[in-house]
């Protein structure tokens, strides 16, 4: 679905990404885990075509790309339902209703963005991304400012919709729990000049026991500490 070959990005004399090579398979959830300043958002913006000046090559088979940003970016003059519908004129009323149900927004469909909590606004943003019916969905730390309980609820909703479509997802985060809850594979990315440290395959994605989560976290933390 997506291949990054020797990808590099420089701002003046500052190197953000250099010689990054990744291959994302169709239908998988691929997570890039790393600290602020590692170039995660830059990478997504290159894939999305927002940044068009870079080194290397991006081979992208996706015809339609959805993007959920850190900010919800809802249109303030439209209600919840209209914010979802605006990205796809061909969306049926049944499909809209389904998205509202999955994101638990049925009772709020006529509310304006300023009437919603932060978590509700992000649920609308996720519903809108799926309404677009993308081949590739980019997620840029969409749960960054949410508490644990709300984050868990939103990830569950995201995964329910993904299970129905099995679109390819490229998800960046600095939160190890988010990565372990969602990903088939996790790429550990450090700040330049370290770059890509390693890629971890999750043997039982989205169905890890608490013991599995602890084991993976300890493994990644140990590798991280030894590599930085």
Protein backbone atom coordinates (compact mmCIF):
# COMPACT_ATOMS: atom_id res chain seq x y z
CA UNK A 1 0.00 0.00 0.00
CA UNK A 2 2.70 2.48 1.01
CA UNK A 3 6.48 2.45 0.71
CA UNK A 4 8.93 5.12 1.85
CA UNK A 5 12.35 4.89 0.24
CA UNK A 6 15.31 6.81 1.66
CA UNK A 7 12.94 9.52 2.84
CA UNK A 8 14.56 12.71 4.10
CA UNK A 9 13.38 16.17 5.11
CA UNK A 10 15.47 19.19 6.01
CA UNK A 11 14.48 22.64 7.25
CA UNK A 12 17.36 25.03 6.58
CA UNK A 13 20.26 23.28 8.31
CA UNK A 14 18.04 21.14 10.58
CA UNK A 15 17.59 17.48 9.63
CA UNK A 16 14.21 16.05 10.60
CA UNK A 17 14.19 12.77 8.68
CA UNK A 18 17.05 11.07 6.85
CA UNK A 19 17.22 7.84 4.85
CA UNK A 20 13.97 6.50 6.33
CA UNK A 21 12.73 3.26 4.76
CA UNK A 22 9.32 1.80 5.63
CA UNK A 23 6.84 -0.51 3.94
CA UNK A 24 3.20 -0.58 5.09
CA UNK A 25 1.01 -3.49 3.99
CA UNK A 26 -2.61 -3.18 2.81
CA UNK A 27 -5.14 -3.45 5.62
CA UNK A 28 -2.68 -3.22 8.51
CA UNK A 29 -2.50 -0.69 11.32
CA UNK A 30 1.09 0.49 11.35
CA UNK A 31 2.14 2.67 14.25
CA UNK A 32 5.11 5.01 14.43
CA UNK A 33 6.08 5.50 18.07
CA UNK A 34 8.49 8.23 19.04
CA UNK A 35 9.07 11.43 21.02
CA UNK A 36 8.21 14.96 19.97
CA UNK A 37 10.68 16.21 17.39
CA UNK A 38 11.28 12.81 15.80
CA UNK A 39 9.53 13.85 12.58
CA UNK A 40 6.31 11.87 12.99
CA UNK A 41 3.93 14.61 11.85
CA UNK A 42 6.34 15.63 9.10
CA UNK A 43 6.25 12.07 7.80
CA UNK A 44 2.43 12.05 7.72
CA UNK A 45 2.34 15.41 5.94
CA UNK A 46 4.70 14.07 3.28
CA UNK A 47 2.53 11.01 2.75
CA UNK A 48 -0.59 13.22 2.58
CA UNK A 49 1.02 15.51 0.01
CA UNK A 50 0.88 18.55 2.30
CA UNK A 51 4.68 18.67 2.18
CA UNK A 52 5.86 18.17 -1.39
CA UNK A 53 9.54 19.02 -1.04
CA UNK A 54 11.63 16.16 0.36
CA UNK A 55 14.38 13.70 -0.47
CA UNK A 56 13.73 10.09 -1.46
CA UNK A 57 10.58 8.52 -2.83
CA UNK A 58 7.05 7.82 -1.63
CA UNK A 59 5.24 4.99 -3.43
CA UNK A 60 1.59 5.27 -2.45
CA UNK A 61 -1.11 3.04 -3.96
CA UNK A 62 -3.92 4.82 -2.09
CA UNK A 63 -6.36 6.72 -4.27
CA UNK A 64 -8.11 8.36 -1.31
CA UNK A 65 -6.30 9.48 1.84
CA UNK A 66 -8.10 10.39 5.07
CA UNK A 67 -6.37 12.42 7.77
CA UNK A 68 -7.26 12.89 11.45
CA UNK A 69 -5.13 15.67 12.90
CA UNK A 70 -4.21 16.45 16.50
CA UNK A 71 -6.84 19.20 16.30
CA UNK A 72 -10.34 18.20 15.19
CA UNK A 73 -10.57 20.91 12.46
CA UNK A 74 -14.36 20.87 12.41
CA UNK A 75 -16.18 23.57 10.46
CA UNK A 76 -17.63 25.81 13.18
CA UNK A 77 -20.71 26.85 11.16
CA UNK A 78 -21.86 23.25 10.59
CA UNK A 79 -23.47 20.84 13.01
CA UNK A 80 -22.11 17.36 13.78
CA UNK A 81 -24.01 15.57 11.02
CA UNK A 82 -23.09 18.13 8.37
CA UNK A 83 -19.42 18.07 9.40
CA UNK A 84 -19.45 14.34 8.71
CA UNK A 85 -21.41 14.52 5.43
CA UNK A 86 -19.39 17.31 3.87
CA UNK A 87 -16.49 15.06 2.79
CA UNK A 88 -18.62 12.65 0.76
CA UNK A 89 -21.73 13.66 -1.20
CA UNK A 90 -22.42 10.01 -2.05
CA UNK A 91 -22.83 8.99 1.60
CA UNK A 92 -26.24 7.43 2.27
CA UNK A 93 -28.42 8.29 5.25
CA UNK A 94 -27.90 4.74 6.53
CA UNK A 95 -24.13 5.16 6.39
CA UNK A 96 -24.33 8.47 8.23
CA UNK A 97 -26.55 6.93 10.90
CA UNK A 98 -24.13 4.05 11.31
CA UNK A 99 -21.19 6.39 11.85
CA UNK A 100 -23.19 8.40 14.39
CA UNK A 101 -24.12 5.21 16.24
CA UNK A 102 -20.56 3.84 16.26
CA UNK A 103 -19.17 7.13 17.57
CA UNK A 104 -22.07 7.54 20.06
CA UNK A 105 -23.09 10.85 18.53
CA UNK A 106 -26.73 10.17 17.65
CA UNK A 107 -28.11 12.47 20.36
CA UNK A 108 -25.60 15.16 19.42
CA UNK A 109 -25.96 15.16 15.64
CA UNK A 110 -27.57 18.61 15.54
CA UNK A 111 -25.11 20.26 17.92
CA UNK A 112 -22.56 22.80 16.76
CA UNK A 113 -18.83 22.22 17.40
CA UNK A 114 -18.69 24.82 20.18
CA UNK A 115 -21.30 22.81 22.09
CA UNK A 116 -19.14 19.68 22.13
CA UNK A 117 -16.43 18.49 24.48
CA UNK A 118 -12.94 17.87 23.13
CA UNK A 119 -13.50 14.12 23.04
CA UNK A 120 -16.79 14.49 21.18
CA UNK A 121 -15.17 16.76 18.62
CA UNK A 122 -12.47 14.18 17.98
CA UNK A 123 -15.13 11.48 17.56
CA UNK A 124 -16.72 13.64 14.88
CA UNK A 125 -13.33 14.03 13.21
CA UNK A 126 -12.84 10.25 13.17
CA UNK A 127 -16.35 9.67 11.83
CA UNK A 128 -15.67 12.25 9.11
CA UNK A 129 -12.45 10.48 8.14
CA UNK A 130 -14.29 7.17 7.72
CA UNK A 131 -17.13 8.92 5.88
CA UNK A 132 -14.59 9.90 3.24
CA UNK A 133 -14.02 6.15 2.63
CA UNK A 134 -10.24 6.37 2.31
CA UNK A 135 -7.90 3.62 1.22
CA UNK A 136 -5.31 4.99 3.63
CA UNK A 137 -6.08 6.70 6.95
CA UNK A 138 -3.46 8.89 8.62
CA UNK A 139 -3.77 9.52 12.37
CA UNK A 140 -1.64 12.23 13.95
CA UNK A 141 -1.90 11.72 17.73
CA UNK A 142 -5.67 12.27 17.72
CA UNK A 143 -6.01 11.18 21.38
CA UNK A 144 -3.14 13.30 22.68
CA UNK A 145 -5.05 15.50 25.13
CA UNK A 146 -7.62 12.97 26.35
CA UNK A 147 -7.74 11.19 29.69
CA UNK A 148 -7.25 7.42 29.88
CA UNK A 149 -10.93 6.49 30.07
CA UNK A 150 -11.99 8.64 27.12
CA UNK A 151 -8.94 7.58 25.11
CA UNK A 152 -9.85 3.91 25.60
CA UNK A 153 -13.41 4.56 24.50
CA UNK A 154 -12.33 6.40 21.35
CA UNK A 155 -9.78 3.76 20.38
CA UNK A 156 -12.47 1.08 20.73
CA UNK A 157 -14.74 3.09 18.42
CA UNK A 158 -11.93 3.58 15.92
CA UNK A 159 -11.16 -0.14 15.88
CA UNK A 160 -14.82 -1.07 15.38
CA UNK A 161 -14.94 1.04 12.23
CA UNK A 162 -11.58 -0.27 11.07
CA UNK A 163 -12.81 -3.85 11.51
CA UNK A 164 -15.65 -3.12 9.10
CA UNK A 165 -13.43 -1.63 6.42
CA UNK A 166 -9.92 -2.95 7.11
CA UNK A 167 -8.44 0.10 5.46
CA UNK A 168 -4.73 0.73 5.86
CA UNK A 169 -3.91 2.93 8.85
CA UNK A 170 -0.70 4.85 9.54
CA UNK A 171 -0.86 6.06 13.13
CA UNK A 172 1.76 8.19 14.87
CA UNK A 173 1.94 8.62 18.63
CA UNK A 174 4.30 9.18 21.53
CA UNK A 175 2.10 6.97 23.75
CA UNK A 176 3.20 3.33 24.01
CA UNK A 177 -0.20 2.15 25.27
CA UNK A 178 -1.96 3.60 22.22
CA UNK A 179 0.50 1.81 19.95
CA UNK A 180 0.06 -1.54 21.73
CA UNK A 181 -3.74 -1.25 21.76
CA UNK A 182 -3.99 -0.69 18.02
CA UNK A 183 -1.02 -1.79 15.95
CA UNK A 184 -0.05 -4.81 13.89
CA UNK A 185 3.49 -3.42 13.79
CA UNK A 186 5.23 -0.63 15.67
CA UNK A 187 8.17 1.35 14.28
CA UNK A 188 10.31 2.97 16.95
CA UNK A 189 11.49 6.36 15.72
CA UNK A 190 14.05 8.53 17.49
CA UNK A 191 15.16 12.08 16.82
CA UNK A 192 17.76 12.66 14.14
CA UNK A 193 20.46 11.38 13.74
CA UNK A 194 19.23 8.09 15.27
CA UNK A 195 16.10 7.85 13.11
CA UNK A 196 14.38 4.48 12.75
CA UNK A 197 15.57 2.17 15.52
CA UNK A 198 13.57 -0.99 14.86
CA UNK A 199 10.17 -2.40 13.93
CA UNK A 200 8.24 -4.62 16.36
CA UNK A 201 5.61 -7.09 15.14
CA UNK A 202 2.74 -7.74 17.55
CA UNK A 203 1.94 -11.45 17.57
CA UNK A 204 -1.67 -11.00 18.70
CA UNK A 205 -2.69 -7.49 17.65
CA UNK A 206 -5.65 -5.82 19.37
CA UNK A 207 -6.11 -8.81 21.68
CA UNK A 208 -3.18 -8.51 24.03
CA UNK A 209 -3.54 -9.68 27.60
CA UNK A 210 -2.31 -7.41 30.38
CA UNK A 211 0.74 -9.67 30.68
CA UNK A 212 1.45 -9.31 26.94
CA UNK A 213 1.19 -5.52 27.19
CA UNK A 214 3.63 -5.41 30.10
CA UNK A 215 6.05 -7.73 28.27
CA UNK A 216 5.97 -5.65 25.08
CA UNK A 217 6.33 -2.39 27.00
CA UNK A 218 9.34 -3.70 28.88
CA UNK A 219 10.88 -4.96 25.65
CA UNK A 220 10.39 -1.65 23.83
CA UNK A 221 11.54 0.40 26.82
CA UNK A 222 14.69 -1.69 27.20
CA UNK A 223 15.48 -1.43 23.50
CA UNK A 224 14.78 2.32 23.56
CA UNK A 225 17.04 2.95 26.54
CA UNK A 226 19.88 0.89 25.04
CA UNK A 227 19.59 2.58 21.64
CA UNK A 228 19.36 6.25 22.65
